[in-house]
């Protein structure tokens, strides 16, 4: 059972810092469909699933991520895909020694370039409206966006680092590390705890983040679901 806001971070984000981006019905919440694919439940009981079904509509796809999502709980829902991730938070006692790079905050004018980079690198769900979730930063070369990172889920006291990606042509230059460190520092500077998620199987990324001062907090489930038909 979840006992900490980060165990059901999307639910708490949509009920606090991201309430202006939320759609809600009873015990279910989701982001506006142009902003994010994520939805959240207050619990895993039938009432919560019924509220989510009414919120997203019949035969629609949505994504739920929380600490524990045992299979078969959502009666009438179809599980399309499942993944296991590791949630990591910053250890304030560990300081990362990272060489800074030139960067700037991204704006809505940069969204086409951001979507192009995301399509090439596939760091996770990113839509045209995702930039509304928080501050995103990018490194450019000659007007070409080569690397970026930014803020996704934001709840009271915590903000997630997400969309960390680098063009394959320039990997190995420390761009992702520099951008991740910059975003984490900005979050910590507001008195919040930075956190992020990485695939359980991606040991190289987990090792990189540990080198940047992150520690593994717990495993989380991510499930792509299709709602029941009408």
Protein backbone atom coordinates (compact mmCIF):
# COMPACT_ATOMS: atom_id res chain seq x y z
CA UNK A 1 0.00 0.00 0.00
CA UNK A 2 1.25 3.50 -0.86
CA UNK A 3 2.18 5.61 2.14
CA UNK A 4 4.17 8.43 0.54
CA UNK A 5 3.12 11.04 -2.06
CA UNK A 6 5.80 9.77 -4.46
CA UNK A 7 4.19 6.32 -4.39
CA UNK A 8 1.28 7.85 -6.33
CA UNK A 9 2.99 10.99 -7.63
CA UNK A 10 0.65 11.62 -10.55
CA UNK A 11 -2.41 11.65 -8.27
CA UNK A 12 -0.86 14.17 -5.93
CA UNK A 13 0.50 16.33 -8.78
CA UNK A 14 -2.93 16.58 -10.36
CA UNK A 15 -4.42 17.52 -7.00
CA UNK A 16 -1.89 20.23 -6.19
CA UNK A 17 0.71 21.95 -8.38
CA UNK A 18 -0.83 20.68 -11.63
CA UNK A 19 -4.48 21.10 -10.77
CA UNK A 20 -4.75 23.66 -13.59
CA UNK A 21 -3.79 20.90 -16.06
CA UNK A 22 -6.15 18.31 -14.60
CA UNK A 23 -9.45 16.74 -15.54
CA UNK A 24 -11.16 15.00 -12.62
CA UNK A 25 -14.10 12.74 -11.93
CA UNK A 26 -14.69 11.29 -8.48
CA UNK A 27 -11.63 9.27 -7.50
CA UNK A 28 -9.87 9.57 -10.86
CA UNK A 29 -7.74 12.31 -12.41
CA UNK A 30 -5.89 12.74 -15.66
CA UNK A 31 -3.88 15.37 -17.49
CA UNK A 32 -5.46 17.22 -20.37
CA UNK A 33 -4.96 14.91 -23.36
CA UNK A 34 -2.77 17.46 -25.16
CA UNK A 35 -0.46 17.74 -22.14
CA UNK A 36 0.23 14.16 -21.05
CA UNK A 37 -0.93 10.57 -21.39
CA UNK A 38 -0.90 9.98 -17.63
CA UNK A 39 -3.91 9.36 -15.41
CA UNK A 40 -4.16 8.53 -11.72
CA UNK A 41 -6.42 6.79 -9.24
CA UNK A 42 -7.05 7.49 -5.57
CA UNK A 43 -7.21 3.73 -4.98
CA UNK A 44 -7.39 0.47 -6.92
CA UNK A 45 -10.99 -0.34 -6.01
CA UNK A 46 -13.90 -0.71 -8.43
CA UNK A 47 -15.18 2.82 -7.75
CA UNK A 48 -11.86 4.37 -8.75
CA UNK A 49 -11.66 2.32 -11.96
CA UNK A 50 -15.27 3.20 -12.81
CA UNK A 51 -14.52 6.89 -12.35
CA UNK A 52 -11.45 6.63 -14.58
CA UNK A 53 -13.46 4.83 -17.25
CA UNK A 54 -16.06 7.58 -17.22
CA UNK A 55 -13.33 10.22 -17.34
CA UNK A 56 -11.41 8.85 -20.34
CA UNK A 57 -14.40 7.42 -22.22
CA UNK A 58 -14.99 3.96 -23.72
CA UNK A 59 -12.20 2.07 -25.53
CA UNK A 60 -9.59 4.75 -24.85
CA UNK A 61 -5.94 4.27 -23.97
CA UNK A 62 -4.41 5.79 -20.86
CA UNK A 63 -1.29 5.26 -18.73
CA UNK A 64 -1.25 4.73 -14.97
CA UNK A 65 1.96 4.71 -12.94
CA UNK A 66 2.18 4.11 -9.21
CA UNK A 67 4.12 2.06 -6.70
CA UNK A 68 2.12 -1.13 -7.07
CA UNK A 69 -0.20 -2.16 -9.89
CA UNK A 70 -0.86 -5.90 -9.58
CA UNK A 71 -2.31 -7.44 -12.80
CA UNK A 72 -6.02 -8.10 -13.08
CA UNK A 73 -7.28 -5.37 -10.75
CA UNK A 74 -9.01 -3.33 -13.43
CA UNK A 75 -12.15 -5.31 -14.28
CA UNK A 76 -13.13 -4.80 -17.91
CA UNK A 77 -9.92 -2.96 -18.76
CA UNK A 78 -7.38 -4.38 -21.20
CA UNK A 79 -3.72 -4.26 -20.25
CA UNK A 80 -1.77 -3.30 -23.38
CA UNK A 81 1.71 -2.96 -21.97
CA UNK A 82 3.49 -3.03 -18.63
CA UNK A 83 6.86 -1.78 -17.47
CA UNK A 84 8.81 -1.68 -14.25
CA UNK A 85 10.72 1.44 -13.31
CA UNK A 86 12.99 2.64 -10.54
CA UNK A 87 12.19 5.90 -8.81
CA UNK A 88 15.29 7.86 -7.78
CA UNK A 89 15.69 10.94 -5.58
CA UNK A 90 18.67 13.22 -4.98
CA UNK A 91 20.89 12.54 -2.00
CA UNK A 92 21.77 16.03 -0.69
CA UNK A 93 25.02 14.61 0.74
CA UNK A 94 26.28 13.72 -2.72
CA UNK A 95 27.50 16.42 -5.08
CA UNK A 96 27.93 15.70 -8.77
CA UNK A 97 31.07 17.01 -10.47
CA UNK A 98 29.65 17.86 -13.88
CA UNK A 99 31.04 20.24 -16.48
CA UNK A 100 28.32 22.81 -17.34
CA UNK A 101 27.27 23.38 -20.94
CA UNK A 102 25.61 26.25 -22.76
CA UNK A 103 21.84 25.99 -22.44
CA UNK A 104 18.70 28.06 -22.40
CA UNK A 105 15.13 27.64 -21.29
CA UNK A 106 12.90 26.27 -24.03
CA UNK A 107 9.66 27.97 -25.08
CA UNK A 108 6.60 27.02 -27.09
CA UNK A 109 8.49 28.13 -30.20
CA UNK A 110 10.91 25.26 -29.56
CA UNK A 111 8.22 22.58 -29.33
CA UNK A 112 8.63 21.33 -32.94
CA UNK A 113 12.36 20.80 -32.34
CA UNK A 114 11.61 19.14 -28.98
CA UNK A 115 9.12 16.76 -30.58
CA UNK A 116 11.64 15.94 -33.30
CA UNK A 117 14.32 15.08 -30.74
CA UNK A 118 11.88 13.02 -28.68
CA UNK A 119 10.78 11.07 -31.75
CA UNK A 120 14.42 10.25 -32.47
CA UNK A 121 15.45 9.29 -28.93
CA UNK A 122 12.18 8.04 -27.32
CA UNK A 123 12.84 9.13 -23.68
CA UNK A 124 9.17 8.63 -22.79
CA UNK A 125 5.77 10.22 -23.50
CA UNK A 126 6.07 13.82 -24.68
CA UNK A 127 3.28 15.77 -26.39
CA UNK A 128 2.90 19.24 -27.83
CA UNK A 129 1.48 20.51 -24.54
CA UNK A 130 3.92 18.74 -22.22
CA UNK A 131 6.00 21.92 -22.00
CA UNK A 132 3.21 23.37 -19.82
CA UNK A 133 4.17 20.95 -17.04
CA UNK A 134 7.34 22.82 -16.07
CA UNK A 135 10.64 24.35 -17.13
CA UNK A 136 12.55 22.66 -19.96
CA UNK A 137 16.12 23.45 -20.98
CA UNK A 138 18.06 22.65 -24.13
CA UNK A 139 21.56 22.70 -25.57
CA UNK A 140 21.86 23.95 -29.14
CA UNK A 141 24.54 23.92 -31.82
CA UNK A 142 23.94 26.28 -34.71
CA UNK A 143 20.25 26.50 -33.95
CA UNK A 144 19.88 22.70 -33.76
CA UNK A 145 18.50 21.25 -30.53
CA UNK A 146 20.88 18.47 -29.49
CA UNK A 147 19.94 17.71 -25.90
CA UNK A 148 17.23 18.60 -23.41
CA UNK A 149 15.77 17.87 -19.99
CA UNK A 150 12.94 19.35 -17.96
CA UNK A 151 10.24 19.05 -15.33
CA UNK A 152 7.23 16.76 -15.53
CA UNK A 153 5.20 15.73 -12.46
CA UNK A 154 5.15 18.48 -9.86
CA UNK A 155 3.51 18.06 -6.47
CA UNK A 156 3.90 19.83 -3.15
CA UNK A 157 7.55 19.45 -2.16
CA UNK A 158 8.65 17.37 -5.16
CA UNK A 159 9.29 17.85 -8.89
CA UNK A 160 10.20 15.17 -11.41
CA UNK A 161 13.01 15.43 -13.95
CA UNK A 162 12.00 13.99 -17.30
CA UNK A 163 12.50 14.05 -21.09
CA UNK A 164 16.26 13.67 -20.65
CA UNK A 165 17.51 12.97 -24.16
CA UNK A 166 20.48 13.63 -26.46
CA UNK A 167 20.83 13.34 -30.21
CA UNK A 168 22.74 10.12 -31.11
CA UNK A 169 25.32 12.17 -33.03
CA UNK A 170 26.60 13.85 -29.86
CA UNK A 171 26.21 11.25 -27.14
CA UNK A 172 29.15 10.82 -24.82
CA UNK A 173 29.81 14.54 -24.41
CA UNK A 174 28.13 14.82 -21.00
CA UNK A 175 25.19 16.86 -22.29
CA UNK A 176 22.50 14.78 -20.55
CA UNK A 177 24.43 14.87 -17.28
CA UNK A 178 24.86 18.64 -17.47
CA UNK A 179 21.19 19.27 -18.25
CA UNK A 180 19.96 16.84 -15.59
CA UNK A 181 22.20 18.51 -13.00
CA UNK A 182 20.96 21.96 -14.04
CA UNK A 183 17.29 20.98 -13.73
CA UNK A 184 17.90 19.23 -10.39
CA UNK A 185 19.68 22.29 -9.03
CA UNK A 186 16.81 24.56 -10.09
CA UNK A 187 14.30 22.30 -8.35
CA UNK A 188 16.39 22.05 -5.19
CA UNK A 189 16.85 25.82 -5.26
CA UNK A 190 13.09 26.17 -4.79
CA UNK A 191 13.29 24.00 -1.68
CA UNK A 192 11.85 20.94 -3.44
CA UNK A 193 13.14 17.37 -3.81
CA UNK A 194 14.11 16.39 -7.38
CA UNK A 195 13.16 12.87 -8.45
CA UNK A 196 13.09 10.87 -11.66
CA UNK A 197 12.19 7.49 -13.09
CA UNK A 198 14.34 5.12 -15.09
CA UNK A 199 13.56 1.69 -16.56
CA UNK A 200 14.52 -1.10 -14.19
CA UNK A 201 16.39 -2.85 -17.00
CA UNK A 202 18.42 0.26 -17.96
CA UNK A 203 21.44 -0.33 -15.74
CA UNK A 204 23.63 2.14 -17.65
CA UNK A 205 21.16 4.99 -16.99
CA UNK A 206 20.80 3.97 -13.35
CA UNK A 207 24.56 4.04 -12.99
CA UNK A 208 24.75 7.46 -14.64
CA UNK A 209 22.12 8.92 -12.30
CA UNK A 210 23.84 7.42 -9.25
CA UNK A 211 26.96 9.25 -10.40
CA UNK A 212 24.94 12.49 -10.41
CA UNK A 213 23.94 12.04 -6.77
CA UNK A 214 20.65 10.16 -7.16
CA UNK A 215 19.74 7.19 -4.99
CA UNK A 216 17.14 4.54 -5.72
CA UNK A 217 14.01 4.99 -3.66
CA UNK A 218 11.71 2.20 -4.84
CA UNK A 219 10.32 0.32 -7.82
CA UNK A 220 7.17 1.58 -9.57
CA UNK A 221 4.81 0.05 -12.10
CA UNK A 222 3.76 1.70 -15.36
CA UNK A 223 0.79 0.19 -17.18
CA UNK A 224 -0.77 1.12 -20.53
CA UNK A 225 -4.49 0.34 -20.32
CA UNK A 226 -7.50 0.44 -22.63
CA UNK A 227 -10.79 1.34 -20.98
CA UNK A 228 -13.85 -0.93 -21.29
CA UNK A 229 -16.06 -0.51 -24.36
CA UNK A 230 -19.32 1.33 -24.07
